[in-house]
Amino acid sequence: MTHAASPDDFRAAMRGFLGHVSLVTVADTGLVVTSATSLSAEPPMILFCINRSSSTWPVLQSEGRFGWSALGAAHQPVAERFSGRTGVSGADRYLGADWLNLAGVRLLVGAPLAFACKVTDMIDKGTHSIVIGQVLDVTTQAGAGVLGYHQGQYVTF
């Protein structure tokens, strides 16, 4: 079926896209994203998209740095806390998990990969900002699996 895409049609279609669940941490807040990817190896850069209505957006804008932890198969409870599904907000989202501080940001211990980054650009498009970050530090954990998101459900690999 083809027709002009409304915002609801677009959201419904995007549920069919398999997204890797990542956690963006900024100061005492953070959010779950599935729109995160590598941008450049030289210099090492990543990007993600954030809704400007998010409570994390102004904190990110003022802090100028963030952590990006790709979530592993065992991290669904962390994803649920940071996505707001459990009603937990603010610094309480960090409870129940172990954190490593690198370059002034919190990264999830045991994440398959995590980056400490400084913001180099925030580009506004539509309702979101495209955030580009230069990677300052990296940590990896072999065998952690992958937490994905598909059709409104978490899936593990």
N, C-alpha and C. Protein backbone atom coordinates (compact mmCIF):
# COMPACT_ATOMS: atom_id res chain seq x y z
N MET A 1 0.84 -1.17 0.00
CA MET A 1 0.00 0.00 0.00
C MET A 1 0.89 1.24 0.00
N THR A 2 0.59 2.17 -0.84
CA THR A 2 1.35 3.43 -0.88
C THR A 2 0.39 4.60 -0.75
N HIS A 3 0.81 5.59 -0.03
CA HIS A 3 0.07 6.84 0.12
C HIS A 3 0.98 7.86 0.80
N ALA A 4 0.52 9.11 0.82
CA ALA A 4 1.31 10.15 1.47
C ALA A 4 1.53 9.80 2.94
N ALA A 5 2.72 10.02 3.42
CA ALA A 5 3.07 9.63 4.79
C ALA A 5 2.67 10.69 5.80
N SER A 6 1.77 10.32 6.70
CA SER A 6 1.45 11.17 7.83
C SER A 6 2.45 10.83 8.94
N PRO A 7 2.56 11.66 9.97
CA PRO A 7 3.45 11.32 11.08
C PRO A 7 3.10 9.96 11.70
N ASP A 8 1.81 9.65 11.84
CA ASP A 8 1.42 8.34 12.41
C ASP A 8 1.81 7.20 11.49
N ASP A 9 1.63 7.38 10.18
CA ASP A 9 2.03 6.35 9.21
C ASP A 9 3.54 6.13 9.28
N PHE A 10 4.29 7.21 9.38
CA PHE A 10 5.74 7.11 9.45
C PHE A 10 6.17 6.35 10.70
N ARG A 11 5.60 6.72 11.86
CA ARG A 11 5.95 6.02 13.11
C ARG A 11 5.62 4.54 13.02
N ALA A 12 4.45 4.21 12.47
CA ALA A 12 4.05 2.81 12.34
C ALA A 12 5.01 2.05 11.42
N ALA A 13 5.41 2.67 10.33
CA ALA A 13 6.34 2.02 9.40
C ALA A 13 7.71 1.82 10.04
N MET A 14 8.18 2.80 10.80
CA MET A 14 9.50 2.71 11.43
C MET A 14 9.56 1.64 12.50
N ARG A 15 8.41 1.20 13.03
CA ARG A 15 8.40 0.11 14.00
C ARG A 15 8.91 -1.18 13.35
N GLY A 16 8.86 -1.27 12.04
CA GLY A 16 9.35 -2.43 11.34
C GLY A 16 10.86 -2.42 11.14
N PHE A 17 11.48 -1.32 11.47
CA PHE A 17 12.94 -1.18 11.38
C PHE A 17 13.56 -1.73 12.66
N LEU A 18 14.53 -2.62 12.53
CA LEU A 18 15.21 -3.15 13.70
C LEU A 18 16.26 -2.15 14.15
N GLY A 19 16.10 -1.62 15.34
CA GLY A 19 17.04 -0.64 15.87
C GLY A 19 17.86 -1.21 17.00
N HIS A 20 19.14 -0.87 17.04
CA HIS A 20 19.98 -1.26 18.16
C HIS A 20 19.75 -0.26 19.28
N VAL A 21 19.41 -0.74 20.46
CA VAL A 21 19.09 0.12 21.58
C VAL A 21 20.37 0.64 22.22
N SER A 22 20.47 1.96 22.30
CA SER A 22 21.62 2.61 22.93
C SER A 22 21.11 3.57 23.99
N LEU A 23 21.99 3.84 24.91
CA LEU A 23 21.67 4.74 26.01
C LEU A 23 22.59 5.95 25.92
N VAL A 24 21.99 7.13 25.91
CA VAL A 24 22.75 8.37 25.93
C VAL A 24 22.63 8.94 27.34
N THR A 25 23.77 9.15 28.00
CA THR A 25 23.79 9.67 29.36
C THR A 25 24.41 11.06 29.36
N VAL A 26 23.74 11.97 30.09
CA VAL A 26 24.19 13.35 30.19
C VAL A 26 23.92 13.81 31.62
N ALA A 27 24.98 14.13 32.36
CA ALA A 27 24.85 14.59 33.75
C ALA A 27 23.98 13.60 34.51
N ASP A 28 22.89 14.06 35.14
CA ASP A 28 22.00 13.18 35.91
C ASP A 28 20.76 12.75 35.15
N THR A 29 20.82 12.79 33.84
CA THR A 29 19.69 12.38 33.03
C THR A 29 20.17 11.52 31.88
N GLY A 30 19.28 11.13 31.02
CA GLY A 30 19.65 10.32 29.86
C GLY A 30 18.41 9.82 29.16
N LEU A 31 18.61 9.16 28.04
CA LEU A 31 17.51 8.64 27.26
C LEU A 31 17.96 7.47 26.41
N VAL A 32 16.98 6.69 25.98
CA VAL A 32 17.21 5.56 25.09
C VAL A 32 17.02 6.04 23.66
N VAL A 33 17.93 5.63 22.77
CA VAL A 33 17.81 5.97 21.35
C VAL A 33 18.03 4.72 20.51
N THR A 34 17.38 4.69 19.36
CA THR A 34 17.66 3.66 18.36
C THR A 34 18.21 4.30 17.10
N SER A 35 18.38 5.62 17.15
CA SER A 35 18.90 6.37 16.00
C SER A 35 20.32 6.82 16.28
N ALA A 36 21.22 5.85 16.46
CA ALA A 36 22.62 6.16 16.74
C ALA A 36 23.51 5.33 15.82
N THR A 37 24.58 5.96 15.34
CA THR A 37 25.45 5.24 14.40
C THR A 37 26.82 5.90 14.35
N SER A 38 27.76 5.20 13.75
CA SER A 38 29.08 5.79 13.55
C SER A 38 29.00 6.80 12.40
N LEU A 39 29.87 7.77 12.46
CA LEU A 39 29.92 8.79 11.42
C LEU A 39 31.27 8.81 10.72
N SER A 40 32.36 8.73 11.51
CA SER A 40 33.69 8.86 10.94
C SER A 40 34.69 8.10 11.81
N ALA A 41 35.69 7.51 11.18
CA ALA A 41 36.77 6.86 11.93
C ALA A 41 37.94 7.81 12.15
N GLU A 42 38.09 8.80 11.28
CA GLU A 42 39.19 9.76 11.39
C GLU A 42 38.66 11.17 11.20
N PRO A 43 38.40 11.92 12.26
CA PRO A 43 38.50 11.50 13.65
C PRO A 43 37.31 10.64 14.03
N PRO A 44 37.42 9.86 15.12
CA PRO A 44 36.30 9.01 15.52
C PRO A 44 35.11 9.87 15.94
N MET A 45 33.97 9.68 15.25
CA MET A 45 32.76 10.45 15.52
C MET A 45 31.54 9.56 15.41
N ILE A 46 30.54 9.87 16.23
CA ILE A 46 29.26 9.17 16.17
C ILE A 46 28.15 10.22 16.07
N LEU A 47 26.94 9.75 15.77
CA LEU A 47 25.80 10.66 15.77
C LEU A 47 24.58 9.94 16.28
N PHE A 48 23.66 10.71 16.84
CA PHE A 48 22.35 10.21 17.23
C PHE A 48 21.36 11.35 17.09
N CYS A 49 20.09 11.00 17.15
CA CYS A 49 19.04 12.00 17.03
C CYS A 49 18.26 12.06 18.33
N ILE A 50 17.89 13.28 18.73
CA ILE A 50 17.16 13.50 19.98
C ILE A 50 16.02 14.49 19.73
N ASN A 51 14.85 14.18 20.25
CA ASN A 51 13.71 15.07 20.17
C ASN A 51 14.00 16.30 21.04
N ARG A 52 13.79 17.48 20.49
CA ARG A 52 14.07 18.70 21.24
C ARG A 52 13.10 18.91 22.39
N SER A 53 12.00 18.14 22.44
CA SER A 53 11.08 18.24 23.58
C SER A 53 11.52 17.34 24.73
N SER A 54 12.56 16.55 24.53
CA SER A 54 13.08 15.67 25.58
C SER A 54 13.68 16.50 26.71
N SER A 55 13.49 16.05 27.95
CA SER A 55 14.09 16.75 29.09
C SER A 55 15.61 16.67 29.06
N THR A 56 16.16 15.72 28.31
CA THR A 56 17.61 15.57 28.21
C THR A 56 18.21 16.59 27.24
N TRP A 57 17.45 17.05 26.27
CA TRP A 57 17.98 17.93 25.23
C TRP A 57 18.63 19.20 25.79
N PRO A 58 17.96 19.98 26.67
CA PRO A 58 18.63 21.20 27.15
C PRO A 58 19.86 20.91 28.01
N VAL A 59 19.85 19.78 28.72
CA VAL A 59 21.00 19.41 29.53
C VAL A 59 22.18 19.08 28.62
N LEU A 60 21.91 18.34 27.55
CA LEU A 60 22.95 18.02 26.57
C LEU A 60 23.51 19.28 25.96
N GLN A 61 22.63 20.19 25.61
CA GLN A 61 23.06 21.44 24.99
C GLN A 61 23.98 22.23 25.92
N SER A 62 23.68 22.26 27.21
CA SER A 62 24.51 23.03 28.13
C SER A 62 25.76 22.28 28.58
N GLU A 63 25.70 20.96 28.71
CA GLU A 63 26.85 20.17 29.17
C GLU A 63 27.93 20.03 28.09
N GLY A 64 27.48 19.80 26.85
CA GLY A 64 28.44 19.68 25.75
C GLY A 64 29.19 18.37 25.68
N ARG A 65 28.79 17.38 26.48
CA ARG A 65 29.40 16.05 26.41
C ARG A 65 28.35 15.02 26.80
N PHE A 66 28.59 13.78 26.37
CA PHE A 66 27.63 12.71 26.64
C PHE A 66 28.32 11.36 26.59
N GLY A 67 27.68 10.39 27.20
CA GLY A 67 28.10 9.01 27.09
C GLY A 67 27.13 8.28 26.18
N TRP A 68 27.64 7.36 25.42
CA TRP A 68 26.80 6.53 24.55
C TRP A 68 27.17 5.09 24.81
N SER A 69 26.23 4.35 25.41
CA SER A 69 26.44 2.93 25.70
C SER A 69 25.48 2.11 24.85
N ALA A 70 26.02 1.28 23.97
CA ALA A 70 25.20 0.33 23.22
C ALA A 70 24.77 -0.73 24.23
N LEU A 71 23.49 -1.05 24.28
CA LEU A 71 23.01 -1.97 25.29
C LEU A 71 23.12 -3.42 24.84
N GLY A 72 23.47 -4.27 25.79
CA GLY A 72 23.61 -5.69 25.55
C GLY A 72 22.34 -6.45 25.90
N ALA A 73 22.38 -7.75 25.69
CA ALA A 73 21.20 -8.60 25.87
C ALA A 73 20.65 -8.55 27.29
N ALA A 74 21.47 -8.30 28.28
CA ALA A 74 21.01 -8.29 29.68
C ALA A 74 20.56 -6.92 30.16
N HIS A 75 20.52 -5.93 29.29
CA HIS A 75 20.28 -4.56 29.72
C HIS A 75 18.86 -4.04 29.50
N GLN A 76 17.90 -4.93 29.28
CA GLN A 76 16.53 -4.46 29.10
C GLN A 76 16.01 -3.66 30.30
N PRO A 77 16.29 -4.06 31.55
CA PRO A 77 15.82 -3.24 32.67
C PRO A 77 16.38 -1.81 32.64
N VAL A 78 17.62 -1.65 32.21
CA VAL A 78 18.21 -0.31 32.09
C VAL A 78 17.46 0.47 31.01
N ALA A 79 17.20 -0.18 29.88
CA ALA A 79 16.47 0.48 28.79
C ALA A 79 15.08 0.91 29.25
N GLU A 80 14.42 0.06 30.01
CA GLU A 80 13.07 0.40 30.47
C GLU A 80 13.09 1.59 31.43
N ARG A 81 14.08 1.65 32.31
CA ARG A 81 14.17 2.79 33.23
C ARG A 81 14.42 4.09 32.47
N PHE A 82 15.37 4.06 31.53
CA PHE A 82 15.72 5.29 30.82
C PHE A 82 14.70 5.68 29.74
N SER A 83 13.86 4.74 29.31
CA SER A 83 12.84 5.08 28.32
C SER A 83 11.60 5.67 28.96
N GLY A 84 11.53 5.61 30.29
CA GLY A 84 10.36 6.14 30.98
C GLY A 84 9.25 5.12 31.18
N ARG A 85 9.43 3.90 30.71
CA ARG A 85 8.39 2.87 30.83
C ARG A 85 8.07 2.52 32.27
N THR A 86 9.01 2.73 33.19
CA THR A 86 8.81 2.35 34.58
C THR A 86 8.39 3.53 35.46
N GLY A 87 8.33 4.73 34.89
CA GLY A 87 7.97 5.91 35.65
C GLY A 87 9.12 6.52 36.44
N VAL A 88 10.31 5.94 36.34
CA VAL A 88 11.48 6.46 37.04
C VAL A 88 12.05 7.62 36.21
N SER A 89 12.48 8.68 36.90
CA SER A 89 13.02 9.82 36.16
C SER A 89 14.29 10.34 36.83
N GLY A 90 14.98 11.22 36.13
CA GLY A 90 16.16 11.88 36.66
C GLY A 90 17.26 10.92 37.07
N ALA A 91 17.96 11.29 38.12
CA ALA A 91 19.12 10.52 38.58
C ALA A 91 18.74 9.11 39.05
N ASP A 92 17.48 8.90 39.43
CA ASP A 92 17.04 7.56 39.87
C ASP A 92 17.15 6.53 38.75
N ARG A 93 17.20 6.96 37.52
CA ARG A 93 17.34 6.02 36.40
C ARG A 93 18.67 5.26 36.47
N TYR A 94 19.66 5.85 37.13
CA TYR A 94 20.98 5.23 37.21
C TYR A 94 21.05 4.12 38.27
N LEU A 95 20.06 4.04 39.14
CA LEU A 95 20.06 3.03 40.19
C LEU A 95 19.87 1.64 39.60
N GLY A 96 20.52 0.65 40.19
CA GLY A 96 20.33 -0.73 39.74
C GLY A 96 21.28 -1.16 38.64
N ALA A 97 22.24 -0.33 38.30
CA ALA A 97 23.26 -0.69 37.29
C ALA A 97 24.59 -0.11 37.74
N ASP A 98 25.66 -0.65 37.19
CA ASP A 98 27.01 -0.17 37.51
C ASP A 98 27.49 0.76 36.41
N TRP A 99 28.19 1.81 36.82
CA TRP A 99 28.61 2.86 35.89
C TRP A 99 30.09 3.12 36.00
N LEU A 100 30.69 3.44 34.89
CA LEU A 100 32.10 3.80 34.78
C LEU A 100 32.14 5.26 34.35
N ASN A 101 33.00 6.05 34.97
CA ASN A 101 33.14 7.45 34.57
C ASN A 101 34.39 7.57 33.71
N LEU A 102 34.19 7.94 32.45
CA LEU A 102 35.29 8.21 31.52
C LEU A 102 35.09 9.59 30.92
N ALA A 103 36.12 10.40 30.95
CA ALA A 103 36.08 11.73 30.34
C ALA A 103 34.90 12.56 30.84
N GLY A 104 34.50 12.33 32.09
CA GLY A 104 33.44 13.13 32.69
C GLY A 104 32.03 12.71 32.37
N VAL A 105 31.84 11.54 31.79
CA VAL A 105 30.49 11.04 31.51
C VAL A 105 30.35 9.61 32.04
N ARG A 106 29.11 9.21 32.28
CA ARG A 106 28.84 7.86 32.77
C ARG A 106 28.58 6.91 31.61
N LEU A 107 29.26 5.76 31.67
CA LEU A 107 29.07 4.69 30.70
C LEU A 107 28.65 3.44 31.46
N LEU A 108 27.79 2.66 30.85
CA LEU A 108 27.26 1.45 31.48
C LEU A 108 28.32 0.36 31.51
N VAL A 109 28.63 -0.14 32.71
CA VAL A 109 29.56 -1.25 32.85
C VAL A 109 28.93 -2.49 32.22
N GLY A 110 29.69 -3.21 31.41
CA GLY A 110 29.20 -4.41 30.75
C GLY A 110 28.55 -4.18 29.40
N ALA A 111 28.48 -2.92 28.97
CA ALA A 111 27.92 -2.62 27.64
C ALA A 111 28.84 -3.20 26.57
N PRO A 112 28.28 -3.73 25.47
CA PRO A 112 29.13 -4.27 24.40
C PRO A 112 30.14 -3.24 23.90
N LEU A 113 29.72 -1.96 23.84
CA LEU A 113 30.62 -0.88 23.49
C LEU A 113 30.07 0.40 24.06
N ALA A 114 30.95 1.28 24.45
CA ALA A 114 30.52 2.56 25.01
C ALA A 114 31.56 3.61 24.68
N PHE A 115 31.07 4.82 24.43
CA PHE A 115 31.93 5.93 24.05
C PHE A 115 31.66 7.14 24.95
N ALA A 116 32.72 7.80 25.37
CA ALA A 116 32.62 9.11 26.01
C ALA A 116 32.87 10.13 24.90
N CYS A 117 31.98 11.11 24.78
CA CYS A 117 32.06 12.02 23.63
C CYS A 117 31.85 13.47 24.04
N LYS A 118 32.40 14.37 23.20
CA LYS A 118 32.07 15.79 23.32
C LYS A 118 31.25 16.17 22.10
N VAL A 119 30.27 17.01 22.30
CA VAL A 119 29.41 17.48 21.22
C VAL A 119 30.20 18.40 20.31
N THR A 120 30.17 18.10 19.00
CA THR A 120 30.79 19.01 18.04
C THR A 120 29.75 19.78 17.23
N ASP A 121 28.58 19.20 17.05
CA ASP A 121 27.50 19.86 16.30
C ASP A 121 26.15 19.37 16.78
N MET A 122 25.16 20.27 16.77
CA MET A 122 23.76 19.92 16.97
C MET A 122 22.99 20.59 15.84
N ILE A 123 22.44 19.78 14.96
CA ILE A 123 21.77 20.29 13.76
C ILE A 123 20.27 20.04 13.90
N ASP A 124 19.48 21.10 13.90
CA ASP A 124 18.04 20.98 14.07
C ASP A 124 17.37 20.66 12.73
N LYS A 125 16.57 19.59 12.74
CA LYS A 125 15.76 19.20 11.58
C LYS A 125 14.43 18.68 12.10
N GLY A 126 13.33 19.25 11.62
CA GLY A 126 12.02 18.81 12.09
C GLY A 126 11.92 18.97 13.60
N THR A 127 11.47 17.92 14.28
CA THR A 127 11.29 17.95 15.74
C THR A 127 12.55 17.57 16.50
N HIS A 128 13.60 17.16 15.79
CA HIS A 128 14.78 16.59 16.43
C HIS A 128 16.06 17.40 16.14
N SER A 129 17.06 17.10 16.94
CA SER A 129 18.42 17.58 16.67
C SER A 129 19.27 16.37 16.33
N ILE A 130 20.11 16.51 15.32
CA ILE A 130 21.12 15.51 15.01
C ILE A 130 22.35 15.93 15.80
N VAL A 131 22.77 15.06 16.71
CA VAL A 131 23.90 15.37 17.59
C VAL A 131 25.12 14.62 17.07
N ILE A 132 26.18 15.35 16.80
CA ILE A 132 27.43 14.75 16.35
C ILE A 132 28.43 14.89 17.49
N GLY A 133 29.04 13.76 17.84
CA GLY A 133 29.99 13.77 18.93
C GLY A 133 31.33 13.21 18.54
N GLN A 134 32.38 13.85 18.99
CA GLN A 134 33.73 13.32 18.80
C GLN A 134 34.03 12.38 19.96
N VAL A 135 34.48 11.17 19.64
CA VAL A 135 34.77 10.16 20.64
C VAL A 135 36.08 10.49 21.35
N LEU A 136 36.00 10.59 22.68
CA LEU A 136 37.17 10.89 23.50
C LEU A 136 37.77 9.63 24.12
N ASP A 137 36.91 8.66 24.42
CA ASP A 137 37.35 7.42 25.05
C ASP A 137 36.37 6.32 24.68
N VAL A 138 36.83 5.08 24.74
CA VAL A 138 36.01 3.94 24.35
C VAL A 138 36.25 2.78 25.28
N THR A 139 35.23 1.98 25.51
CA THR A 139 35.36 0.73 26.25
C THR A 139 34.49 -0.32 25.56
N THR A 140 34.94 -1.57 25.58
CA THR A 140 34.19 -2.66 24.95
C THR A 140 34.11 -3.84 25.90
N GLN A 141 33.11 -4.68 25.70
CA GLN A 141 32.92 -5.89 26.49
C GLN A 141 32.49 -7.01 25.54
N ALA A 142 33.38 -7.95 25.31
CA ALA A 142 33.06 -9.08 24.42
C ALA A 142 31.98 -9.96 25.05
N GLY A 143 31.14 -10.53 24.20
CA GLY A 143 30.15 -11.51 24.64
C GLY A 143 28.93 -10.94 25.33
N ALA A 144 28.70 -9.63 25.25
CA ALA A 144 27.57 -9.01 25.94
C ALA A 144 26.27 -9.12 25.18
N GLY A 145 26.31 -9.59 23.92
CA GLY A 145 25.09 -9.68 23.12
C GLY A 145 24.61 -8.31 22.69
N VAL A 146 23.38 -8.27 22.19
CA VAL A 146 22.80 -7.05 21.64
C VAL A 146 21.35 -6.94 22.08
N LEU A 147 20.94 -5.74 22.47
CA LEU A 147 19.53 -5.46 22.73
C LEU A 147 19.01 -4.65 21.56
N GLY A 148 17.98 -5.15 20.92
CA GLY A 148 17.38 -4.46 19.79
C GLY A 148 15.95 -4.06 20.11
N TYR A 149 15.33 -3.35 19.17
CA TYR A 149 13.95 -2.90 19.31
C TYR A 149 13.27 -3.08 17.96
N HIS A 150 12.16 -3.82 17.96
CA HIS A 150 11.46 -4.13 16.72
C HIS A 150 9.98 -4.31 17.01
N GLN A 151 9.13 -3.65 16.23
CA GLN A 151 7.68 -3.75 16.37
C GLN A 151 7.22 -3.45 17.80
N GLY A 152 7.88 -2.46 18.43
CA GLY A 152 7.47 -2.03 19.77
C GLY A 152 7.92 -2.94 20.90
N GLN A 153 8.83 -3.89 20.60
CA GLN A 153 9.28 -4.84 21.61
C GLN A 153 10.80 -4.90 21.63
N TYR A 154 11.35 -5.17 22.81
CA TYR A 154 12.78 -5.44 22.92
C TYR A 154 13.05 -6.86 22.44
N VAL A 155 14.15 -7.03 21.72
CA VAL A 155 14.60 -8.34 21.25
C VAL A 155 16.08 -8.46 21.56
N THR A 156 16.54 -9.68 21.83
CA THR A 156 17.95 -9.88 22.14
C THR A 156 18.60 -10.82 21.14
N PHE A 157 19.90 -10.63 20.98
CA PHE A 157 20.70 -11.46 20.09
C PHE A 157 21.95 -11.85 20.83
